[in-house]
Amino acid sequence: MVNKPAGANRQDEVDPASLGRIKQLRMAAGLVNRTNRWALPLCGLAVVGVIAVFVVVGLITGLVAFLTPLGVLLGLTAGMILFGRYAQSAQDVVHRAVGKPGVVLVGEGSPSRLPSLLAAEKKRVSRVAHDVPIYDFQVGDEEGQVPIRRLQRKLMRLPRNLKGPAVAELNYRLRALPANLQAPKGPMPKTGRMPKPPRPRFR
């Protein structure tokens, strides 16, 4: 049996940690792109803009060989900082659901930023919800938050304040609101999904 030289298969080896980081970056990029379609182009423009400034200054001063690598480094840094801020804001999301209890807002993200997001969305919804009850919850394990495993139970215990036609009418009014990227309509987290109300029948 012929022994393979040491390192013969190194080109086929893949670092699992690097794969994990790449996957995380892809997931973050996808989340940022869904939240704000201009975010990734702006990050790219930041990188190119910083590099271009350093190259131009280098051509003018005759220090292009020194300033170009510095511009590339600072440009990538600026792009990553901007991307990090977009990614951080994209993880702060308020889900909105409508059912017999009324309007339910469920926030996911930083405990320090969610209260202001929930308050802003509650104010926005109240413009068309009028006297309809609006409930808000924060999902998480911090103080004052609801663990995701207990969210379903919380939602099921809410009082039934509306009937079928009223739910349909409220949905219609809420759809007329301007789009809000921080408060996507539709389902809440899968483990805390609010039961769908029966479709009203009109005669």
N, C-alpha and C. Protein backbone atom coordinates (compact mmCIF):
# COMPACT_ATOMS: atom_id res chain seq x y z
N MET A 1 0.85 -1.19 0.00
CA MET A 1 0.00 0.00 0.00
C MET A 1 0.88 1.24 0.00
N VAL A 2 0.61 2.15 -0.88
CA VAL A 2 1.41 3.35 -1.02
C VAL A 2 0.88 4.43 -0.12
N ASN A 3 1.76 4.98 0.73
CA ASN A 3 1.36 6.06 1.62
C ASN A 3 1.32 7.36 0.87
N LYS A 4 0.26 8.11 1.08
CA LYS A 4 0.15 9.42 0.44
C LYS A 4 1.00 10.41 1.17
N PRO A 5 1.66 11.31 0.47
CA PRO A 5 2.47 12.32 1.15
C PRO A 5 1.62 13.21 2.02
N ALA A 6 2.24 13.65 3.11
CA ALA A 6 1.52 14.54 4.03
C ALA A 6 1.07 15.78 3.33
N GLY A 7 -0.18 16.18 3.57
CA GLY A 7 -0.70 17.40 2.97
C GLY A 7 -1.25 17.21 1.58
N ALA A 8 -1.31 15.94 1.10
CA ALA A 8 -1.79 15.71 -0.25
C ALA A 8 -3.24 16.09 -0.41
N ASN A 9 -4.03 15.96 0.65
CA ASN A 9 -5.46 16.25 0.56
C ASN A 9 -5.82 17.59 1.17
N ARG A 10 -4.85 18.44 1.45
CA ARG A 10 -5.16 19.71 2.09
C ARG A 10 -6.05 20.60 1.23
N GLN A 11 -5.89 20.49 -0.09
CA GLN A 11 -6.71 21.34 -0.96
C GLN A 11 -8.17 20.93 -0.93
N ASP A 12 -8.44 19.68 -0.46
CA ASP A 12 -9.84 19.23 -0.40
C ASP A 12 -10.47 19.49 0.96
N GLU A 13 -9.61 19.91 1.95
CA GLU A 13 -10.13 20.14 3.28
C GLU A 13 -10.78 21.52 3.36
N VAL A 14 -11.90 21.61 4.08
CA VAL A 14 -12.62 22.87 4.24
C VAL A 14 -12.79 23.13 5.72
N ASP A 15 -12.48 24.31 6.13
CA ASP A 15 -12.62 24.70 7.53
C ASP A 15 -14.10 24.89 7.86
N PRO A 16 -14.69 24.09 8.75
CA PRO A 16 -16.11 24.25 9.07
C PRO A 16 -16.43 25.61 9.64
N ALA A 17 -15.49 26.18 10.38
CA ALA A 17 -15.74 27.50 10.96
C ALA A 17 -15.91 28.57 9.88
N SER A 18 -15.05 28.46 8.83
CA SER A 18 -15.16 29.44 7.75
C SER A 18 -16.47 29.27 7.00
N LEU A 19 -16.91 28.00 6.83
CA LEU A 19 -18.20 27.78 6.18
C LEU A 19 -19.33 28.38 7.00
N GLY A 20 -19.24 28.26 8.33
CA GLY A 20 -20.26 28.83 9.19
C GLY A 20 -20.33 30.33 9.08
N ARG A 21 -19.16 30.98 9.02
CA ARG A 21 -19.14 32.44 8.89
C ARG A 21 -19.71 32.88 7.56
N ILE A 22 -19.37 32.15 6.49
CA ILE A 22 -19.90 32.49 5.16
C ILE A 22 -21.42 32.34 5.14
N LYS A 23 -21.92 31.26 5.75
CA LYS A 23 -23.37 31.04 5.80
C LYS A 23 -24.07 32.14 6.57
N GLN A 24 -23.47 32.55 7.69
CA GLN A 24 -24.05 33.63 8.49
C GLN A 24 -24.10 34.93 7.70
N LEU A 25 -23.01 35.22 6.97
CA LEU A 25 -22.98 36.44 6.16
C LEU A 25 -24.04 36.40 5.07
N ARG A 26 -24.21 35.24 4.44
CA ARG A 26 -25.24 35.12 3.40
C ARG A 26 -26.63 35.31 3.97
N MET A 27 -26.87 34.71 5.13
CA MET A 27 -28.19 34.87 5.76
C MET A 27 -28.43 36.32 6.16
N ALA A 28 -27.39 36.96 6.71
CA ALA A 28 -27.53 38.37 7.09
C ALA A 28 -27.77 39.24 5.87
N ALA A 29 -27.04 38.95 4.78
CA ALA A 29 -27.21 39.73 3.55
C ALA A 29 -28.61 39.56 2.98
N GLY A 30 -29.13 38.34 3.02
CA GLY A 30 -30.49 38.10 2.54
C GLY A 30 -31.53 38.83 3.38
N LEU A 31 -31.34 38.82 4.69
CA LEU A 31 -32.26 39.52 5.59
C LEU A 31 -32.23 41.02 5.35
N VAL A 32 -31.01 41.57 5.20
CA VAL A 32 -30.86 43.00 4.95
C VAL A 32 -31.50 43.38 3.62
N ASN A 33 -31.30 42.54 2.61
CA ASN A 33 -31.84 42.84 1.28
C ASN A 33 -33.36 42.81 1.27
N ARG A 34 -33.95 41.88 2.04
CA ARG A 34 -35.42 41.82 2.11
C ARG A 34 -35.98 43.03 2.86
N THR A 35 -35.24 43.50 3.85
CA THR A 35 -35.70 44.64 4.63
C THR A 35 -35.52 45.96 3.89
N ASN A 36 -34.39 46.11 3.23
CA ASN A 36 -34.08 47.35 2.52
C ASN A 36 -33.28 47.02 1.27
N ARG A 37 -33.92 47.11 0.10
CA ARG A 37 -33.25 46.71 -1.14
C ARG A 37 -32.13 47.65 -1.55
N TRP A 38 -32.05 48.81 -0.90
CA TRP A 38 -30.97 49.74 -1.22
C TRP A 38 -29.76 49.56 -0.31
N ALA A 39 -29.88 48.74 0.72
CA ALA A 39 -28.81 48.63 1.71
C ALA A 39 -27.51 48.07 1.11
N LEU A 40 -27.59 46.94 0.43
CA LEU A 40 -26.39 46.33 -0.13
C LEU A 40 -25.73 47.20 -1.20
N PRO A 41 -26.52 47.80 -2.14
CA PRO A 41 -25.88 48.73 -3.08
C PRO A 41 -25.20 49.91 -2.40
N LEU A 42 -25.80 50.42 -1.32
CA LEU A 42 -25.18 51.53 -0.60
C LEU A 42 -23.88 51.10 0.07
N CYS A 43 -23.84 49.88 0.58
CA CYS A 43 -22.59 49.36 1.17
C CYS A 43 -21.52 49.26 0.10
N GLY A 44 -21.90 48.77 -1.09
CA GLY A 44 -20.93 48.69 -2.18
C GLY A 44 -20.44 50.06 -2.63
N LEU A 45 -21.36 51.02 -2.68
CA LEU A 45 -20.97 52.38 -3.05
C LEU A 45 -20.02 53.00 -2.03
N ALA A 46 -20.23 52.67 -0.75
CA ALA A 46 -19.34 53.18 0.29
C ALA A 46 -17.93 52.66 0.09
N VAL A 47 -17.81 51.37 -0.24
CA VAL A 47 -16.49 50.77 -0.47
C VAL A 47 -15.81 51.43 -1.67
N VAL A 48 -16.55 51.50 -2.80
CA VAL A 48 -15.98 52.06 -4.02
C VAL A 48 -15.66 53.54 -3.85
N GLY A 49 -16.55 54.27 -3.15
CA GLY A 49 -16.34 55.71 -2.96
C GLY A 49 -15.08 56.02 -2.18
N VAL A 50 -14.86 55.29 -1.08
CA VAL A 50 -13.67 55.53 -0.27
C VAL A 50 -12.40 55.19 -1.06
N ILE A 51 -12.42 54.07 -1.77
CA ILE A 51 -11.25 53.69 -2.58
C ILE A 51 -10.97 54.74 -3.64
N ALA A 52 -12.04 55.22 -4.30
CA ALA A 52 -11.87 56.21 -5.37
C ALA A 52 -11.25 57.50 -4.84
N VAL A 53 -11.69 57.94 -3.67
CA VAL A 53 -11.14 59.16 -3.08
C VAL A 53 -9.65 59.01 -2.82
N PHE A 54 -9.23 57.89 -2.26
CA PHE A 54 -7.81 57.68 -1.97
C PHE A 54 -6.98 57.56 -3.24
N VAL A 55 -7.55 56.92 -4.26
CA VAL A 55 -6.82 56.80 -5.53
C VAL A 55 -6.62 58.18 -6.17
N VAL A 56 -7.67 58.99 -6.17
CA VAL A 56 -7.57 60.33 -6.76
C VAL A 56 -6.55 61.18 -6.00
N VAL A 57 -6.63 61.13 -4.67
CA VAL A 57 -5.66 61.89 -3.87
C VAL A 57 -4.25 61.38 -4.11
N GLY A 58 -4.11 60.07 -4.27
CA GLY A 58 -2.79 59.50 -4.55
C GLY A 58 -2.25 59.94 -5.89
N LEU A 59 -3.10 60.02 -6.90
CA LEU A 59 -2.66 60.49 -8.21
C LEU A 59 -2.25 61.95 -8.16
N ILE A 60 -2.96 62.74 -7.38
CA ILE A 60 -2.64 64.16 -7.29
C ILE A 60 -1.33 64.39 -6.54
N THR A 61 -1.15 63.63 -5.46
CA THR A 61 0.03 63.84 -4.61
C THR A 61 1.22 62.99 -5.01
N GLY A 62 1.02 62.06 -5.94
CA GLY A 62 2.11 61.17 -6.32
C GLY A 62 2.34 60.03 -5.35
N LEU A 63 1.40 59.80 -4.44
CA LEU A 63 1.53 58.74 -3.43
C LEU A 63 0.54 57.62 -3.68
N VAL A 64 0.21 57.38 -4.97
CA VAL A 64 -0.82 56.41 -5.30
C VAL A 64 -0.46 55.00 -4.82
N ALA A 65 0.84 54.65 -4.88
CA ALA A 65 1.25 53.31 -4.44
C ALA A 65 1.01 53.11 -2.96
N PHE A 66 1.05 54.17 -2.18
CA PHE A 66 0.85 54.08 -0.73
C PHE A 66 -0.63 54.22 -0.36
N LEU A 67 -1.32 55.17 -1.03
CA LEU A 67 -2.70 55.48 -0.66
C LEU A 67 -3.71 54.47 -1.19
N THR A 68 -3.41 53.80 -2.29
CA THR A 68 -4.39 52.85 -2.85
C THR A 68 -4.64 51.66 -1.91
N PRO A 69 -3.60 50.97 -1.41
CA PRO A 69 -3.88 49.88 -0.44
C PRO A 69 -4.58 50.39 0.82
N LEU A 70 -4.20 51.58 1.27
CA LEU A 70 -4.86 52.15 2.44
C LEU A 70 -6.33 52.42 2.16
N GLY A 71 -6.62 52.92 0.94
CA GLY A 71 -8.00 53.19 0.56
C GLY A 71 -8.83 51.92 0.48
N VAL A 72 -8.22 50.83 -0.03
CA VAL A 72 -8.93 49.55 -0.10
C VAL A 72 -9.28 49.06 1.30
N LEU A 73 -8.31 49.16 2.22
CA LEU A 73 -8.54 48.71 3.59
C LEU A 73 -9.65 49.53 4.27
N LEU A 74 -9.56 50.86 4.14
CA LEU A 74 -10.56 51.72 4.78
C LEU A 74 -11.92 51.59 4.09
N GLY A 75 -11.91 51.39 2.78
CA GLY A 75 -13.17 51.22 2.05
C GLY A 75 -13.91 49.96 2.49
N LEU A 76 -13.16 48.85 2.61
CA LEU A 76 -13.79 47.61 3.08
C LEU A 76 -14.30 47.76 4.51
N THR A 77 -13.52 48.48 5.34
CA THR A 77 -13.95 48.71 6.72
C THR A 77 -15.24 49.52 6.77
N ALA A 78 -15.30 50.58 5.96
CA ALA A 78 -16.51 51.42 5.92
C ALA A 78 -17.71 50.61 5.45
N GLY A 79 -17.51 49.77 4.43
CA GLY A 79 -18.61 48.94 3.93
C GLY A 79 -19.10 47.96 4.96
N MET A 80 -18.18 47.34 5.71
CA MET A 80 -18.58 46.38 6.73
C MET A 80 -19.29 47.04 7.90
N ILE A 81 -18.83 48.25 8.28
CA ILE A 81 -19.50 48.97 9.36
C ILE A 81 -20.93 49.33 8.96
N LEU A 82 -21.09 49.82 7.73
CA LEU A 82 -22.42 50.17 7.24
C LEU A 82 -23.31 48.94 7.15
N PHE A 83 -22.73 47.83 6.65
CA PHE A 83 -23.49 46.59 6.55
C PHE A 83 -23.91 46.10 7.93
N GLY A 84 -23.01 46.23 8.92
CA GLY A 84 -23.34 45.82 10.28
C GLY A 84 -24.51 46.59 10.85
N ARG A 85 -24.55 47.90 10.55
CA ARG A 85 -25.67 48.70 11.06
C ARG A 85 -26.98 48.31 10.40
N TYR A 86 -26.93 48.06 9.08
CA TYR A 86 -28.15 47.62 8.40
C TYR A 86 -28.61 46.26 8.94
N ALA A 87 -27.65 45.35 9.17
CA ALA A 87 -28.00 44.02 9.66
C ALA A 87 -28.59 44.11 11.06
N GLN A 88 -28.05 44.99 11.88
CA GLN A 88 -28.57 45.14 13.24
C GLN A 88 -30.00 45.66 13.24
N SER A 89 -30.26 46.66 12.40
CA SER A 89 -31.61 47.21 12.34
C SER A 89 -32.60 46.24 11.71
N ALA A 90 -32.10 45.37 10.78
CA ALA A 90 -32.99 44.40 10.12
C ALA A 90 -33.45 43.33 11.09
N GLN A 91 -32.72 43.08 12.18
CA GLN A 91 -33.12 42.05 13.16
C GLN A 91 -34.14 42.57 14.14
N ASP A 92 -34.41 43.86 14.15
CA ASP A 92 -35.45 44.43 15.01
C ASP A 92 -36.73 44.53 14.19
N VAL A 93 -37.64 43.59 14.40
CA VAL A 93 -38.83 43.48 13.56
C VAL A 93 -40.07 43.41 14.43
N VAL A 94 -41.13 44.06 13.98
CA VAL A 94 -42.43 43.99 14.65
C VAL A 94 -43.40 43.28 13.72
N HIS A 95 -43.87 42.11 14.15
CA HIS A 95 -44.87 41.36 13.38
C HIS A 95 -46.26 41.82 13.79
N ARG A 96 -47.14 41.88 12.82
CA ARG A 96 -48.51 42.32 13.08
C ARG A 96 -49.50 41.25 12.64
N ALA A 97 -50.44 40.94 13.51
CA ALA A 97 -51.49 39.98 13.18
C ALA A 97 -52.83 40.53 13.60
N VAL A 98 -53.86 40.14 12.87
CA VAL A 98 -55.23 40.60 13.16
C VAL A 98 -56.11 39.38 13.38
N GLY A 99 -56.87 39.39 14.44
CA GLY A 99 -57.76 38.28 14.74
C GLY A 99 -58.89 38.74 15.63
N LYS A 100 -59.59 37.79 16.23
CA LYS A 100 -60.72 38.14 17.10
C LYS A 100 -60.33 38.94 18.33
N PRO A 101 -59.10 38.77 18.87
CA PRO A 101 -58.72 39.65 19.99
C PRO A 101 -58.56 41.10 19.57
N GLY A 102 -58.24 41.35 18.32
CA GLY A 102 -57.96 42.69 17.82
C GLY A 102 -56.67 42.68 17.02
N VAL A 103 -55.79 43.64 17.29
CA VAL A 103 -54.48 43.71 16.63
C VAL A 103 -53.43 43.26 17.63
N VAL A 104 -52.57 42.35 17.20
CA VAL A 104 -51.48 41.85 18.04
C VAL A 104 -50.16 42.20 17.39
N LEU A 105 -49.29 42.87 18.15
CA LEU A 105 -47.96 43.23 17.68
C LEU A 105 -46.94 42.41 18.47
N VAL A 106 -46.05 41.74 17.77
CA VAL A 106 -45.02 40.92 18.42
C VAL A 106 -43.66 41.40 17.93
N GLY A 107 -42.84 41.86 18.86
CA GLY A 107 -41.53 42.39 18.51
C GLY A 107 -40.43 41.38 18.75
N GLU A 108 -39.47 41.33 17.81
CA GLU A 108 -38.29 40.48 17.94
C GLU A 108 -37.06 41.35 17.71
N GLY A 109 -36.07 41.23 18.61
CA GLY A 109 -34.85 42.00 18.42
C GLY A 109 -34.29 42.50 19.73
N SER A 110 -33.62 43.64 19.68
CA SER A 110 -32.95 44.20 20.85
C SER A 110 -33.97 44.74 21.85
N PRO A 111 -33.87 44.35 23.14
CA PRO A 111 -34.81 44.87 24.15
C PRO A 111 -34.73 46.38 24.32
N SER A 112 -33.58 46.98 23.97
CA SER A 112 -33.44 48.43 24.14
C SER A 112 -34.10 49.22 23.02
N ARG A 113 -34.26 48.58 21.85
CA ARG A 113 -34.84 49.30 20.70
C ARG A 113 -36.29 48.93 20.42
N LEU A 114 -36.71 47.74 20.86
CA LEU A 114 -38.06 47.28 20.54
C LEU A 114 -39.17 48.15 21.12
N PRO A 115 -39.06 48.67 22.36
CA PRO A 115 -40.16 49.47 22.89
C PRO A 115 -40.53 50.66 22.01
N SER A 116 -39.53 51.34 21.47
CA SER A 116 -39.84 52.49 20.61
C SER A 116 -40.46 52.04 19.30
N LEU A 117 -40.00 50.90 18.75
CA LEU A 117 -40.59 50.38 17.51
C LEU A 117 -42.04 49.96 17.74
N LEU A 118 -42.29 49.28 18.85
CA LEU A 118 -43.66 48.85 19.15
C LEU A 118 -44.57 50.05 19.38
N ALA A 119 -44.05 51.07 20.08
CA ALA A 119 -44.87 52.26 20.34
C ALA A 119 -45.21 52.97 19.04
N ALA A 120 -44.22 53.07 18.13
CA ALA A 120 -44.47 53.74 16.85
C ALA A 120 -45.49 52.97 16.01
N GLU A 121 -45.37 51.64 15.99
CA GLU A 121 -46.32 50.84 15.21
C GLU A 121 -47.71 50.87 15.83
N LYS A 122 -47.76 50.88 17.16
CA LYS A 122 -49.05 50.94 17.85
C LYS A 122 -49.76 52.25 17.53
N LYS A 123 -49.00 53.34 17.51
CA LYS A 123 -49.57 54.64 17.17
C LYS A 123 -50.06 54.67 15.73
N ARG A 124 -49.26 54.05 14.84
CA ARG A 124 -49.63 54.02 13.42
C ARG A 124 -50.90 53.21 13.20
N VAL A 125 -51.00 52.05 13.86
CA VAL A 125 -52.16 51.18 13.70
C VAL A 125 -53.41 51.82 14.30
N SER A 126 -53.24 52.53 15.42
CA SER A 126 -54.40 53.12 16.10
C SER A 126 -55.10 54.17 15.25
N ARG A 127 -54.43 54.68 14.23
CA ARG A 127 -55.06 55.68 13.36
C ARG A 127 -56.25 55.11 12.61
N VAL A 128 -56.18 53.82 12.30
CA VAL A 128 -57.28 53.20 11.57
C VAL A 128 -58.02 52.17 12.41
N ALA A 129 -57.38 51.70 13.51
CA ALA A 129 -58.03 50.69 14.35
C ALA A 129 -59.05 51.30 15.29
N HIS A 130 -58.91 52.61 15.56
CA HIS A 130 -59.86 53.33 16.43
C HIS A 130 -59.96 52.66 17.81
N ASP A 131 -61.13 52.11 18.15
CA ASP A 131 -61.34 51.56 19.49
C ASP A 131 -60.99 50.08 19.60
N VAL A 132 -60.41 49.52 18.56
CA VAL A 132 -60.04 48.10 18.58
C VAL A 132 -58.86 47.90 19.52
N PRO A 133 -58.90 46.90 20.40
CA PRO A 133 -57.77 46.65 21.31
C PRO A 133 -56.49 46.30 20.54
N ILE A 134 -55.36 46.83 21.00
CA ILE A 134 -54.06 46.55 20.40
C ILE A 134 -53.17 45.98 21.50
N TYR A 135 -52.71 44.74 21.30
CA TYR A 135 -51.84 44.08 22.27
C TYR A 135 -50.42 44.02 21.70
N ASP A 136 -49.44 44.20 22.57
CA ASP A 136 -48.05 44.10 22.09
C ASP A 136 -47.24 43.23 23.05
N PHE A 137 -46.36 42.42 22.45
CA PHE A 137 -45.48 41.52 23.19
C PHE A 137 -44.07 41.62 22.63
N GLN A 138 -43.11 41.38 23.49
CA GLN A 138 -41.72 41.24 23.08
C GLN A 138 -41.29 39.80 23.27
N VAL A 139 -40.78 39.19 22.22
CA VAL A 139 -40.33 37.80 22.30
C VAL A 139 -38.87 37.77 22.74
N GLY A 140 -38.56 36.96 23.75
CA GLY A 140 -37.19 36.85 24.22
C GLY A 140 -37.15 36.31 25.63
N ASP A 141 -35.95 36.24 26.16
CA ASP A 141 -35.74 35.69 27.50
C ASP A 141 -35.35 36.75 28.52
N GLU A 142 -35.38 38.03 28.12
CA GLU A 142 -35.05 39.09 29.06
C GLU A 142 -36.26 39.43 29.93
N GLU A 143 -36.04 40.25 30.95
CA GLU A 143 -37.12 40.64 31.84
C GLU A 143 -38.17 41.44 31.08
N GLY A 144 -39.43 41.09 31.27
CA GLY A 144 -40.51 41.77 30.58
C GLY A 144 -40.82 41.21 29.21
N GLN A 145 -40.06 40.20 28.77
CA GLN A 145 -40.31 39.58 27.47
C GLN A 145 -40.99 38.23 27.65
N VAL A 146 -41.56 37.74 26.55
CA VAL A 146 -42.26 36.45 26.57
C VAL A 146 -41.41 35.43 25.82
N PRO A 147 -41.02 34.32 26.47
CA PRO A 147 -40.29 33.27 25.75
C PRO A 147 -41.11 32.76 24.58
N ILE A 148 -40.44 32.45 23.48
CA ILE A 148 -41.14 32.05 22.27
C ILE A 148 -42.02 30.82 22.51
N ARG A 149 -41.60 29.92 23.42
CA ARG A 149 -42.38 28.70 23.67
C ARG A 149 -43.69 28.99 24.39
N ARG A 150 -43.78 30.18 25.02
CA ARG A 150 -45.00 30.53 25.76
C ARG A 150 -45.88 31.52 25.00
N LEU A 151 -45.43 31.95 23.84
CA LEU A 151 -46.19 32.96 23.10
C LEU A 151 -47.55 32.45 22.65
N GLN A 152 -47.59 31.22 22.17
CA GLN A 152 -48.86 30.65 21.71
C GLN A 152 -49.90 30.66 22.82
N ARG A 153 -49.45 30.26 24.03
CA ARG A 153 -50.37 30.23 25.16
C ARG A 153 -50.88 31.63 25.50
N LYS A 154 -49.98 32.62 25.42
CA LYS A 154 -50.37 34.01 25.69
C LYS A 154 -51.43 34.47 24.70
N LEU A 155 -51.22 34.16 23.43
CA LEU A 155 -52.15 34.60 22.40
C LEU A 155 -53.51 33.92 22.54
N MET A 156 -53.50 32.64 22.91
CA MET A 156 -54.76 31.91 23.04
C MET A 156 -55.59 32.41 24.21
N ARG A 157 -54.95 33.04 25.18
CA ARG A 157 -55.68 33.53 26.35
C ARG A 157 -56.24 34.93 26.16
N LEU A 158 -55.94 35.56 25.05
CA LEU A 158 -56.46 36.91 24.81
C LEU A 158 -57.97 36.86 24.62
N PRO A 159 -58.69 37.86 25.08
CA PRO A 159 -60.16 37.86 24.93
C PRO A 159 -60.56 38.02 23.47
N ARG A 160 -61.70 37.45 23.14
CA ARG A 160 -62.25 37.55 21.78
C ARG A 160 -63.14 38.80 21.72
N ASN A 161 -62.57 39.87 21.22
CA ASN A 161 -63.26 41.16 21.20
C ASN A 161 -64.01 41.44 19.90
N LEU A 162 -63.64 40.75 18.82
CA LEU A 162 -64.23 41.04 17.51
C LEU A 162 -64.90 39.80 16.94
N LYS A 163 -65.87 40.04 16.09
CA LYS A 163 -66.50 38.96 15.34
C LYS A 163 -65.96 38.96 13.91
N GLY A 164 -66.34 37.93 13.17
CA GLY A 164 -65.80 37.74 11.82
C GLY A 164 -65.86 38.97 10.92
N PRO A 165 -67.02 39.58 10.71
CA PRO A 165 -67.10 40.75 9.83
C PRO A 165 -66.22 41.91 10.30
N ALA A 166 -66.13 42.09 11.62
CA ALA A 166 -65.30 43.18 12.15
C ALA A 166 -63.82 42.92 11.89
N VAL A 167 -63.40 41.64 11.95
CA VAL A 167 -62.02 41.29 11.65
C VAL A 167 -61.70 41.58 10.19
N ALA A 168 -62.63 41.22 9.31
CA ALA A 168 -62.42 41.48 7.89
C ALA A 168 -62.34 42.97 7.59
N GLU A 169 -63.21 43.74 8.22
CA GLU A 169 -63.20 45.19 8.01
C GLU A 169 -61.89 45.81 8.53
N LEU A 170 -61.42 45.33 9.68
CA LEU A 170 -60.18 45.85 10.25
C LEU A 170 -58.99 45.52 9.34
N ASN A 171 -58.98 44.31 8.81
CA ASN A 171 -57.92 43.93 7.87
C ASN A 171 -57.90 44.85 6.67
N TYR A 172 -59.07 45.19 6.17
CA TYR A 172 -59.17 46.08 5.01
C TYR A 172 -58.60 47.45 5.33
N ARG A 173 -58.92 47.98 6.51
CA ARG A 173 -58.41 49.30 6.88
C ARG A 173 -56.89 49.29 7.07
N LEU A 174 -56.37 48.20 7.66
CA LEU A 174 -54.93 48.13 7.90
C LEU A 174 -54.14 47.99 6.60
N ARG A 175 -54.73 47.32 5.61
CA ARG A 175 -54.04 47.19 4.32
C ARG A 175 -53.89 48.54 3.63
N ALA A 176 -54.72 49.50 4.00
CA ALA A 176 -54.64 50.83 3.40
C ALA A 176 -53.51 51.67 3.99
N LEU A 177 -52.93 51.21 5.09
CA LEU A 177 -51.82 51.95 5.69
C LEU A 177 -50.60 51.91 4.79
N PRO A 178 -49.76 52.97 4.81
CA PRO A 178 -48.51 52.93 4.04
C PRO A 178 -47.62 51.80 4.52
N ALA A 179 -46.83 51.25 3.61
CA ALA A 179 -45.94 50.15 3.95
C ALA A 179 -44.92 50.58 4.99
N ASN A 180 -44.65 49.69 5.93
CA ASN A 180 -43.67 49.96 6.98
C ASN A 180 -42.71 48.78 7.04
N LEU A 181 -41.44 49.00 6.66
CA LEU A 181 -40.47 47.91 6.57
C LEU A 181 -40.20 47.27 7.93
N GLN A 182 -40.37 48.04 9.01
CA GLN A 182 -40.06 47.49 10.31
C GLN A 182 -41.22 46.68 10.88
N ALA A 183 -42.38 46.71 10.22
CA ALA A 183 -43.53 45.98 10.74
C ALA A 183 -44.18 45.17 9.63
N PRO A 184 -43.60 44.03 9.28
CA PRO A 184 -44.17 43.23 8.20
C PRO A 184 -45.51 42.66 8.58
N LYS A 185 -46.43 42.65 7.61
CA LYS A 185 -47.72 42.04 7.86
C LYS A 185 -47.59 40.54 7.71
N GLY A 186 -48.62 39.81 8.14
CA GLY A 186 -48.60 38.38 7.93
C GLY A 186 -48.27 37.61 9.18
N PRO A 187 -47.74 36.38 9.00
CA PRO A 187 -47.57 35.49 10.15
C PRO A 187 -46.51 35.96 11.11
N MET A 188 -46.70 35.58 12.37
CA MET A 188 -45.72 35.84 13.40
C MET A 188 -44.77 34.64 13.46
N PRO A 189 -43.83 34.59 14.41
CA PRO A 189 -42.94 33.44 14.51
C PRO A 189 -43.71 32.14 14.52
N LYS A 190 -43.14 31.10 13.87
CA LYS A 190 -43.87 29.85 13.64
C LYS A 190 -44.39 29.22 14.91
N THR A 191 -43.58 29.28 15.98
CA THR A 191 -44.01 28.65 17.21
C THR A 191 -45.01 29.50 17.98
N GLY A 192 -45.25 30.72 17.51
CA GLY A 192 -46.19 31.59 18.20
C GLY A 192 -47.24 32.13 17.27
N ARG A 193 -47.60 31.35 16.28
CA ARG A 193 -48.55 31.81 15.27
C ARG A 193 -49.94 31.96 15.85
N MET A 194 -50.56 33.04 15.51
CA MET A 194 -51.90 33.30 16.01
C MET A 194 -52.91 32.55 15.15
N PRO A 195 -53.87 31.87 15.73
CA PRO A 195 -54.84 31.11 14.93
C PRO A 195 -55.63 32.03 14.02
N LYS A 196 -55.84 31.54 12.79
CA LYS A 196 -56.57 32.34 11.81
C LYS A 196 -58.05 32.37 12.15
N PRO A 197 -58.69 33.53 12.04
CA PRO A 197 -60.13 33.60 12.31
C PRO A 197 -60.90 32.99 11.16
N PRO A 198 -62.09 32.50 11.41
CA PRO A 198 -62.90 31.95 10.31
C PRO A 198 -63.27 33.05 9.33
N ARG A 199 -63.30 32.69 8.06
CA ARG A 199 -63.65 33.65 7.02
C ARG A 199 -65.11 34.06 7.15
N PRO A 200 -65.37 35.35 7.24
CA PRO A 200 -66.77 35.79 7.41
C PRO A 200 -67.59 35.53 6.16
N ARG A 201 -68.86 35.19 6.37
CA ARG A 201 -69.78 34.97 5.26
C ARG A 201 -70.82 36.08 5.22
N PHE A 202 -70.91 36.68 4.10
CA PHE A 202 -71.87 37.78 3.95
C PHE A 202 -73.05 37.29 3.13
N ARG A 203 -74.22 37.65 3.56
CA ARG A 203 -75.44 37.25 2.82
C ARG A 203 -76.09 38.47 2.20
